[in-house]
Amino acid sequence: MPLTSAAGASQHRGTAIVEIDRIVNRVLAANRVIKRISEACPQGTDCAGDGEHARIFDCEQGCGFRGCTACLMEHEAEPHWSDSDTARERYQIG
């Protein structure tokens, strides 16, 4: 039955909207990824890389640091002051 007929259209009613919503959601998600990939490094002139558009990462230890791969590697090479060993060393505890 052709979709131009009322019977053919009623058979597919609602499914097209679901498919369009799914497609729109995937496009919006892809746009967020592209935007995040194409950001300039938030470290600016202190960037350990080239400072150009790159994927941006957040520090996994929750300190709020954001940077490109090179900056994150340099950041993670330094101890976080929240580490108990680092705090002990910093404040000469124990």
C-alpha atoms as a PDB file:
ATOM      1  CA  MET A   1       0.000   0.000   0.000  1.00  0.00           C
ATOM      2  CA  PRO A   2       1.568   3.372  -0.936  1.00  0.00           C
ATOM      3  CA  LEU A   3       2.290   5.811   1.896  1.00  0.00           C
ATOM      4  CA  THR A   4       0.213   8.439   0.110  1.00  0.00           C
ATOM      5  CA  SER A   5      -2.986   6.595   0.955  1.00  0.00           C
ATOM      6  CA  ALA A   6      -4.673   7.053   4.330  1.00  0.00           C
ATOM      7  CA  ALA A   7      -4.421   3.346   5.143  1.00  0.00           C
ATOM      8  CA  GLY A   8      -0.718   3.275   4.294  1.00  0.00           C
ATOM      9  CA  ALA A   9      -0.018   6.399   6.349  1.00  0.00           C
ATOM     10  CA  SER A  10      -1.857   5.117   9.411  1.00  0.00           C
ATOM     11  CA  GLN A  11       0.251   1.974   9.342  1.00  0.00           C
ATOM     12  CA  HIS A  12       3.431   4.054   9.896  1.00  0.00           C
ATOM     13  CA  ARG A  13       1.980   6.815  12.050  1.00  0.00           C
ATOM     14  CA  GLY A  14       4.303   7.697  14.960  1.00  0.00           C
ATOM     15  CA  THR A  15       7.299   5.632  13.875  1.00  0.00           C
ATOM     16  CA  ALA A  16       8.712   8.338  11.635  1.00  0.00           C
ATOM     17  CA  ILE A  17       8.743  10.822  14.526  1.00  0.00           C
ATOM     18  CA  VAL A  18      10.587   8.353  16.748  1.00  0.00           C
ATOM     19  CA  GLU A  19      13.180   7.794  14.022  1.00  0.00           C
ATOM     20  CA  ILE A  20      13.594  11.546  13.466  1.00  0.00           C
ATOM     21  CA  ASP A  21      14.035  12.109  17.221  1.00  0.00           C
ATOM     22  CA  ARG A  22      16.675   9.381  17.350  1.00  0.00           C
ATOM     23  CA  ILE A  23      18.520  10.889  14.383  1.00  0.00           C
ATOM     24  CA  VAL A  24      18.366  14.401  15.844  1.00  0.00           C
ATOM     25  CA  ASN A  25      19.694  13.149  19.201  1.00  0.00           C
ATOM     26  CA  ARG A  26      22.602  11.396  17.490  1.00  0.00           C
ATOM     27  CA  VAL A  27      23.444  14.518  15.471  1.00  0.00           C
ATOM     28  CA  LEU A  28      23.335  16.700  18.601  1.00  0.00           C
ATOM     29  CA  ALA A  29      25.589  14.242  20.452  1.00  0.00           C
ATOM     30  CA  ALA A  30      28.029  14.234  17.530  1.00  0.00           C
ATOM     31  CA  ASN A  31      28.054  18.051  17.521  1.00  0.00           C
ATOM     32  CA  ARG A  32      28.958  18.068  21.237  1.00  0.00           C
ATOM     33  CA  VAL A  33      31.837  15.672  20.558  1.00  0.00           C
ATOM     34  CA  ILE A  34      33.055  17.748  17.620  1.00  0.00           C
ATOM     35  CA  LYS A  35      32.886  20.916  19.714  1.00  0.00           C
ATOM     36  CA  ARG A  36      34.844  19.266  22.524  1.00  0.00           C
ATOM     37  CA  ILE A  37      37.423  17.885  20.081  1.00  0.00           C
ATOM     38  CA  SER A  38      37.920  21.238  18.395  1.00  0.00           C
ATOM     39  CA  GLU A  39      38.405  23.365  21.519  1.00  0.00           C
ATOM     40  CA  ALA A  40      41.649  25.233  21.988  1.00  0.00           C
ATOM     41  CA  CYS A  41      43.558  24.047  25.042  1.00  0.00           C
ATOM     42  CA  PRO A  42      42.253  25.900  28.119  1.00  0.00           C
ATOM     43  CA  GLN A  43      45.835  26.215  29.425  1.00  0.00           C
ATOM     44  CA  GLY A  44      46.453  28.887  26.780  1.00  0.00           C
ATOM     45  CA  THR A  45      50.079  30.044  26.681  1.00  0.00           C
ATOM     46  CA  ASP A  46      50.997  27.488  29.369  1.00  0.00           C
ATOM     47  CA  CYS A  47      49.944  24.633  27.056  1.00  0.00           C
ATOM     48  CA  ALA A  48      52.483  21.793  26.980  1.00  0.00           C
ATOM     49  CA  GLY A  49      51.373  20.939  23.444  1.00  0.00           C
ATOM     50  CA  ASP A  50      50.897  23.199  20.474  1.00  0.00           C
ATOM     51  CA  GLY A  51      47.875  24.985  22.000  1.00  0.00           C
ATOM     52  CA  GLU A  52      45.874  24.364  18.859  1.00  0.00           C
ATOM     53  CA  HIS A  53      42.478  22.759  18.637  1.00  0.00           C
ATOM     54  CA  ALA A  54      42.549  19.389  20.340  1.00  0.00           C
ATOM     55  CA  ARG A  55      40.428  17.082  22.412  1.00  0.00           C
ATOM     56  CA  ILE A  56      40.125  18.370  25.957  1.00  0.00           C
ATOM     57  CA  PHE A  57      40.292  16.093  28.993  1.00  0.00           C
ATOM     58  CA  ASP A  58      39.400  16.551  32.668  1.00  0.00           C
ATOM     59  CA  CYS A  59      41.639  15.335  35.482  1.00  0.00           C
ATOM     60  CA  GLU A  60      40.291  12.028  36.784  1.00  0.00           C
ATOM     61  CA  GLN A  61      41.118  12.974  40.376  1.00  0.00           C
ATOM     62  CA  GLY A  62      38.478  15.696  40.358  1.00  0.00           C
ATOM     63  CA  CYS A  63      40.771  18.674  40.933  1.00  0.00           C
ATOM     64  CA  GLY A  64      39.144  20.665  38.124  1.00  0.00           C
ATOM     65  CA  PHE A  65      42.142  20.666  35.776  1.00  0.00           C
ATOM     66  CA  ARG A  66      41.287  20.659  32.064  1.00  0.00           C
ATOM     67  CA  GLY A  67      43.754  20.422  29.216  1.00  0.00           C
ATOM     68  CA  CYS A  68      44.884  18.742  26.033  1.00  0.00           C
ATOM     69  CA  THR A  69      46.664  15.382  26.098  1.00  0.00           C
ATOM     70  CA  ALA A  70      50.117  16.927  26.564  1.00  0.00           C
ATOM     71  CA  CYS A  71      48.944  19.180  29.409  1.00  0.00           C
ATOM     72  CA  LEU A  72      47.072  16.366  31.136  1.00  0.00           C
ATOM     73  CA  MET A  73      50.115  14.074  30.965  1.00  0.00           C
ATOM     74  CA  GLU A  74      52.275  16.807  32.504  1.00  0.00           C
ATOM     75  CA  HIS A  75      49.604  17.545  35.123  1.00  0.00           C
ATOM     76  CA  GLU A  76      49.269  13.897  36.114  1.00  0.00           C
ATOM     77  CA  ALA A  77      53.053  13.511  36.389  1.00  0.00           C
ATOM     78  CA  GLU A  78      52.912  15.929  39.343  1.00  0.00           C
ATOM     79  CA  PRO A  79      51.345  14.644  42.568  1.00  0.00           C
ATOM     80  CA  HIS A  80      48.006  16.003  43.716  1.00  0.00           C
ATOM     81  CA  TRP A  81      48.016  17.647  47.133  1.00  0.00           C
ATOM     82  CA  SER A  82      45.025  15.502  48.033  1.00  0.00           C
ATOM     83  CA  ASP A  83      47.198  12.361  47.974  1.00  0.00           C
ATOM     84  CA  SER A  84      47.989  11.290  51.523  1.00  0.00           C
ATOM     85  CA  ASP A  85      51.673  10.633  50.715  1.00  0.00           C
ATOM     86  CA  THR A  86      51.989  14.019  49.056  1.00  0.00           C
ATOM     87  CA  ALA A  87      50.259  15.775  51.953  1.00  0.00           C
ATOM     88  CA  ARG A  88      52.575  14.032  54.417  1.00  0.00           C
ATOM     89  CA  GLU A  89      55.588  15.157  52.419  1.00  0.00           C
ATOM     90  CA  ARG A  90      54.307  18.694  52.029  1.00  0.00           C
ATOM     91  CA  TYR A  91      53.477  19.188  55.687  1.00  0.00           C
ATOM     92  CA  GLN A  92      56.181  16.861  57.108  1.00  0.00           C
ATOM     93  CA  ILE A  93      53.522  14.726  58.776  1.00  0.00           C
ATOM     94  CA  GLY A  94      54.598  11.458  60.421  1.00  0.00           C
END
